[in-house]
Amino acid sequence: MTDYFEVDRLAEDIAKIYASQLAVSLFKVNKNKNPSKEEFRDTVIDFMKHFESTLSKFPETEEGIKFKQYCKDLLQKEIEIVKEGKNKEVEKRHKYYTEYN
């Protein structure tokens, strides 16, 4: 299989760089200064799932289908890490937002 290093990096960082930042912004807009850890994680996961719509740009060729499945599998793995509270960056972002906001 082709090496998709760039996507590996994206999957590793999507919660930290994209989804948790949007989650904080959403809580600020909604004036929710103290979301629970579960609520914060769920919101991060909702934003992470938006990545799946990006995959529709890739062709329905054999390689395109393999690529999309590879990305979905990576994303699901990262979602599970967030859901279980094992993504240190998401947990840190929640703590910072709820304690210092």
N, C-alpha and C. Protein backbone atom coordinates (compact mmCIF):
# COMPACT_ATOMS: atom_id res chain seq x y z
N MET A 1 0.85 -1.19 0.00
CA MET A 1 0.00 0.00 0.00
C MET A 1 0.88 1.24 0.00
N THR A 2 0.38 2.27 -0.61
CA THR A 2 1.08 3.54 -0.69
C THR A 2 1.26 4.14 0.71
N ASP A 3 2.36 4.83 0.90
CA ASP A 3 2.63 5.49 2.17
C ASP A 3 1.91 6.84 2.19
N TYR A 4 1.01 7.01 3.13
CA TYR A 4 0.26 8.26 3.26
C TYR A 4 0.71 9.00 4.51
N PHE A 5 1.98 9.30 4.57
CA PHE A 5 2.57 9.97 5.73
C PHE A 5 1.81 11.23 6.11
N GLU A 6 1.43 12.01 5.12
CA GLU A 6 0.75 13.29 5.39
C GLU A 6 -0.57 13.08 6.12
N VAL A 7 -1.29 12.06 5.72
CA VAL A 7 -2.58 11.77 6.35
C VAL A 7 -2.37 11.19 7.75
N ASP A 8 -1.31 10.42 7.93
CA ASP A 8 -1.00 9.91 9.27
C ASP A 8 -0.81 11.09 10.23
N ARG A 9 -0.06 12.07 9.79
CA ARG A 9 0.19 13.25 10.61
C ARG A 9 -1.11 14.01 10.88
N LEU A 10 -1.92 14.16 9.86
CA LEU A 10 -3.19 14.86 10.01
C LEU A 10 -4.07 14.16 11.05
N ALA A 11 -4.17 12.86 10.96
CA ALA A 11 -5.01 12.11 11.90
C ALA A 11 -4.51 12.28 13.33
N GLU A 12 -3.20 12.27 13.49
CA GLU A 12 -2.62 12.43 14.83
C GLU A 12 -2.91 13.80 15.42
N ASP A 13 -2.99 14.81 14.57
CA ASP A 13 -3.11 16.19 15.06
C ASP A 13 -4.49 16.81 14.92
N ILE A 14 -5.43 16.13 14.31
CA ILE A 14 -6.73 16.75 14.02
C ILE A 14 -7.46 17.18 15.30
N ALA A 15 -7.37 16.39 16.34
CA ALA A 15 -8.05 16.76 17.59
C ALA A 15 -7.39 17.97 18.23
N LYS A 16 -6.07 17.99 18.21
CA LYS A 16 -5.33 19.08 18.85
C LYS A 16 -5.46 20.40 18.10
N ILE A 17 -5.20 20.38 16.82
CA ILE A 17 -5.08 21.61 16.04
C ILE A 17 -6.42 22.12 15.53
N TYR A 18 -7.32 21.24 15.23
CA TYR A 18 -8.58 21.64 14.58
C TYR A 18 -9.78 21.50 15.53
N ALA A 19 -10.05 20.27 15.94
CA ALA A 19 -11.31 20.00 16.63
C ALA A 19 -11.40 20.62 18.03
N SER A 20 -10.33 20.54 18.81
CA SER A 20 -10.42 21.10 20.17
C SER A 20 -10.50 22.62 20.14
N GLN A 21 -9.86 23.24 19.17
CA GLN A 21 -9.93 24.70 19.05
C GLN A 21 -11.34 25.15 18.68
N LEU A 22 -11.97 24.40 17.77
CA LEU A 22 -13.35 24.74 17.41
C LEU A 22 -14.30 24.45 18.57
N ALA A 23 -14.03 23.40 19.32
CA ALA A 23 -14.87 23.10 20.48
C ALA A 23 -14.83 24.25 21.48
N VAL A 24 -13.64 24.75 21.77
CA VAL A 24 -13.51 25.88 22.69
C VAL A 24 -14.27 27.09 22.14
N SER A 25 -14.11 27.34 20.86
CA SER A 25 -14.82 28.48 20.26
C SER A 25 -16.32 28.33 20.37
N LEU A 26 -16.82 27.13 20.16
CA LEU A 26 -18.26 26.88 20.27
C LEU A 26 -18.74 27.11 21.70
N PHE A 27 -17.99 26.62 22.67
CA PHE A 27 -18.37 26.83 24.06
C PHE A 27 -18.34 28.32 24.43
N LYS A 28 -17.38 29.05 23.89
CA LYS A 28 -17.33 30.49 24.14
C LYS A 28 -18.54 31.19 23.55
N VAL A 29 -18.86 30.86 22.31
CA VAL A 29 -20.02 31.47 21.64
C VAL A 29 -21.31 31.17 22.41
N ASN A 30 -21.40 29.95 22.93
CA ASN A 30 -22.58 29.55 23.69
C ASN A 30 -22.52 29.94 25.16
N LYS A 31 -21.44 30.63 25.54
CA LYS A 31 -21.25 31.10 26.91
C LYS A 31 -21.29 29.95 27.93
N ASN A 32 -20.75 28.83 27.52
CA ASN A 32 -20.64 27.67 28.41
C ASN A 32 -19.20 27.60 28.89
N LYS A 33 -18.97 28.09 30.10
CA LYS A 33 -17.61 28.17 30.62
C LYS A 33 -17.16 26.93 31.36
N ASN A 34 -18.07 25.99 31.56
CA ASN A 34 -17.70 24.81 32.33
C ASN A 34 -18.30 23.53 31.75
N PRO A 35 -17.97 23.19 30.50
CA PRO A 35 -18.48 21.93 29.96
C PRO A 35 -17.82 20.75 30.68
N SER A 36 -18.56 19.69 30.84
CA SER A 36 -17.97 18.49 31.45
C SER A 36 -16.92 17.91 30.49
N LYS A 37 -16.10 17.04 31.01
CA LYS A 37 -15.10 16.40 30.16
C LYS A 37 -15.77 15.64 29.02
N GLU A 38 -16.85 14.95 29.34
CA GLU A 38 -17.56 14.17 28.33
C GLU A 38 -18.16 15.08 27.26
N GLU A 39 -18.75 16.17 27.69
CA GLU A 39 -19.33 17.13 26.74
C GLU A 39 -18.24 17.71 25.84
N PHE A 40 -17.11 18.03 26.42
CA PHE A 40 -15.99 18.59 25.66
C PHE A 40 -15.48 17.55 24.66
N ARG A 41 -15.26 16.33 25.13
CA ARG A 41 -14.79 15.27 24.24
C ARG A 41 -15.77 15.02 23.10
N ASP A 42 -17.06 14.96 23.42
CA ASP A 42 -18.08 14.71 22.39
C ASP A 42 -18.07 15.81 21.33
N THR A 43 -17.89 17.04 21.77
CA THR A 43 -17.85 18.16 20.82
C THR A 43 -16.60 18.07 19.95
N VAL A 44 -15.48 17.73 20.55
CA VAL A 44 -14.25 17.54 19.78
C VAL A 44 -14.47 16.45 18.74
N ILE A 45 -15.07 15.35 19.14
CA ILE A 45 -15.33 14.23 18.22
C ILE A 45 -16.26 14.66 17.09
N ASP A 46 -17.28 15.44 17.40
CA ASP A 46 -18.18 15.95 16.34
C ASP A 46 -17.39 16.72 15.28
N PHE A 47 -16.48 17.57 15.73
CA PHE A 47 -15.67 18.32 14.77
C PHE A 47 -14.69 17.41 14.02
N MET A 48 -14.16 16.41 14.68
CA MET A 48 -13.26 15.47 14.02
C MET A 48 -13.98 14.74 12.88
N LYS A 49 -15.23 14.42 13.09
CA LYS A 49 -16.00 13.68 12.08
C LYS A 49 -16.22 14.50 10.81
N HIS A 50 -16.09 15.81 10.89
CA HIS A 50 -16.24 16.64 9.69
C HIS A 50 -15.20 16.27 8.63
N PHE A 51 -14.09 15.71 9.06
CA PHE A 51 -13.04 15.31 8.12
C PHE A 51 -13.57 14.31 7.09
N GLU A 52 -14.52 13.50 7.48
CA GLU A 52 -15.05 12.49 6.56
C GLU A 52 -15.66 13.12 5.30
N SER A 53 -16.27 14.28 5.43
CA SER A 53 -16.86 14.92 4.25
C SER A 53 -15.78 15.35 3.26
N THR A 54 -14.60 15.64 3.75
CA THR A 54 -13.48 16.00 2.88
C THR A 54 -13.10 14.85 1.95
N LEU A 55 -13.28 13.65 2.43
CA LEU A 55 -12.88 12.48 1.66
C LEU A 55 -13.72 12.29 0.39
N SER A 56 -14.87 12.93 0.32
CA SER A 56 -15.72 12.79 -0.87
C SER A 56 -15.05 13.37 -2.11
N LYS A 57 -14.04 14.20 -1.93
CA LYS A 57 -13.30 14.78 -3.06
C LYS A 57 -12.44 13.73 -3.77
N PHE A 58 -12.13 12.64 -3.10
CA PHE A 58 -11.27 11.62 -3.69
C PHE A 58 -12.08 10.71 -4.59
N PRO A 59 -11.48 10.24 -5.67
CA PRO A 59 -12.22 9.46 -6.67
C PRO A 59 -12.65 8.08 -6.17
N GLU A 60 -13.65 7.55 -6.82
CA GLU A 60 -14.14 6.21 -6.51
C GLU A 60 -13.37 5.16 -7.31
N THR A 61 -12.08 5.36 -7.43
CA THR A 61 -11.22 4.38 -8.07
C THR A 61 -10.76 3.37 -7.01
N GLU A 62 -10.10 2.33 -7.43
CA GLU A 62 -9.61 1.34 -6.47
C GLU A 62 -8.68 1.99 -5.44
N GLU A 63 -7.75 2.81 -5.92
CA GLU A 63 -6.82 3.48 -5.01
C GLU A 63 -7.54 4.51 -4.14
N GLY A 64 -8.50 5.23 -4.73
CA GLY A 64 -9.26 6.22 -3.97
C GLY A 64 -10.07 5.58 -2.86
N ILE A 65 -10.68 4.46 -3.14
CA ILE A 65 -11.48 3.75 -2.14
C ILE A 65 -10.58 3.24 -1.01
N LYS A 66 -9.42 2.70 -1.37
CA LYS A 66 -8.47 2.24 -0.35
C LYS A 66 -8.01 3.40 0.53
N PHE A 67 -7.73 4.52 -0.12
CA PHE A 67 -7.28 5.70 0.61
C PHE A 67 -8.35 6.17 1.59
N LYS A 68 -9.57 6.27 1.13
CA LYS A 68 -10.65 6.74 2.00
C LYS A 68 -10.87 5.81 3.18
N GLN A 69 -10.79 4.51 2.93
CA GLN A 69 -10.96 3.57 4.03
C GLN A 69 -9.81 3.68 5.03
N TYR A 70 -8.61 3.86 4.51
CA TYR A 70 -7.44 4.05 5.37
C TYR A 70 -7.64 5.28 6.25
N CYS A 71 -8.11 6.36 5.68
CA CYS A 71 -8.35 7.60 6.44
C CYS A 71 -9.44 7.41 7.48
N LYS A 72 -10.51 6.74 7.11
CA LYS A 72 -11.61 6.51 8.05
C LYS A 72 -11.15 5.65 9.23
N ASP A 73 -10.31 4.66 8.94
CA ASP A 73 -9.79 3.82 10.01
C ASP A 73 -8.90 4.62 10.96
N LEU A 74 -8.04 5.47 10.40
CA LEU A 74 -7.18 6.33 11.22
C LEU A 74 -8.03 7.26 12.08
N LEU A 75 -9.03 7.87 11.46
CA LEU A 75 -9.89 8.79 12.18
C LEU A 75 -10.62 8.09 13.32
N GLN A 76 -11.13 6.90 13.05
CA GLN A 76 -11.84 6.16 14.10
C GLN A 76 -10.92 5.84 15.27
N LYS A 77 -9.70 5.50 14.97
CA LYS A 77 -8.70 5.22 16.02
C LYS A 77 -8.49 6.45 16.89
N GLU A 78 -8.35 7.61 16.26
CA GLU A 78 -8.13 8.86 17.01
C GLU A 78 -9.38 9.26 17.79
N ILE A 79 -10.55 9.00 17.23
CA ILE A 79 -11.81 9.29 17.94
C ILE A 79 -11.89 8.46 19.21
N GLU A 80 -11.53 7.20 19.12
CA GLU A 80 -11.55 6.33 20.31
C GLU A 80 -10.59 6.84 21.39
N ILE A 81 -9.45 7.32 20.97
CA ILE A 81 -8.48 7.86 21.93
C ILE A 81 -9.07 9.07 22.66
N VAL A 82 -9.74 9.94 21.92
CA VAL A 82 -10.39 11.11 22.54
C VAL A 82 -11.52 10.65 23.46
N LYS A 83 -12.34 9.75 22.97
CA LYS A 83 -13.50 9.27 23.74
C LYS A 83 -13.08 8.66 25.07
N GLU A 84 -11.94 7.96 25.06
CA GLU A 84 -11.45 7.31 26.28
C GLU A 84 -10.68 8.27 27.20
N GLY A 85 -10.53 9.53 26.78
CA GLY A 85 -9.81 10.50 27.60
C GLY A 85 -8.31 10.32 27.55
N LYS A 86 -7.81 9.70 26.50
CA LYS A 86 -6.38 9.40 26.39
C LYS A 86 -5.63 10.35 25.46
N ASN A 87 -6.31 11.36 24.94
CA ASN A 87 -5.63 12.36 24.12
C ASN A 87 -5.22 13.49 25.06
N LYS A 88 -3.94 13.54 25.38
CA LYS A 88 -3.44 14.50 26.38
C LYS A 88 -3.71 15.94 25.98
N GLU A 89 -3.64 16.23 24.71
CA GLU A 89 -3.85 17.61 24.25
C GLU A 89 -5.31 18.04 24.44
N VAL A 90 -6.24 17.16 24.16
CA VAL A 90 -7.65 17.48 24.35
C VAL A 90 -7.95 17.66 25.83
N GLU A 91 -7.42 16.78 26.65
CA GLU A 91 -7.63 16.88 28.09
C GLU A 91 -7.03 18.16 28.65
N LYS A 92 -5.85 18.51 28.16
CA LYS A 92 -5.19 19.74 28.60
C LYS A 92 -6.00 20.97 28.18
N ARG A 93 -6.52 20.91 26.95
CA ARG A 93 -7.31 22.05 26.45
C ARG A 93 -8.58 22.21 27.27
N HIS A 94 -9.24 21.13 27.63
CA HIS A 94 -10.43 21.19 28.47
C HIS A 94 -10.10 21.80 29.82
N LYS A 95 -9.03 21.31 30.42
CA LYS A 95 -8.63 21.83 31.74
C LYS A 95 -8.33 23.32 31.67
N TYR A 96 -7.56 23.72 30.69
CA TYR A 96 -7.21 25.13 30.54
C TYR A 96 -8.47 25.98 30.36
N TYR A 97 -9.37 25.53 29.49
CA TYR A 97 -10.58 26.30 29.21
C TYR A 97 -11.46 26.42 30.46
N THR A 98 -11.68 25.32 31.15
CA THR A 98 -12.60 25.37 32.29
C THR A 98 -12.00 26.03 33.53
N GLU A 99 -10.68 25.97 33.68
CA GLU A 99 -10.06 26.53 34.88
C GLU A 99 -9.60 27.98 34.73
N TYR A 100 -9.28 28.38 33.51
CA TYR A 100 -8.69 29.71 33.32
C TYR A 100 -9.52 30.64 32.45
N ASN A 101 -10.67 30.21 32.05
CA ASN A 101 -11.49 31.05 31.17
C ASN A 101 -12.34 32.02 31.97
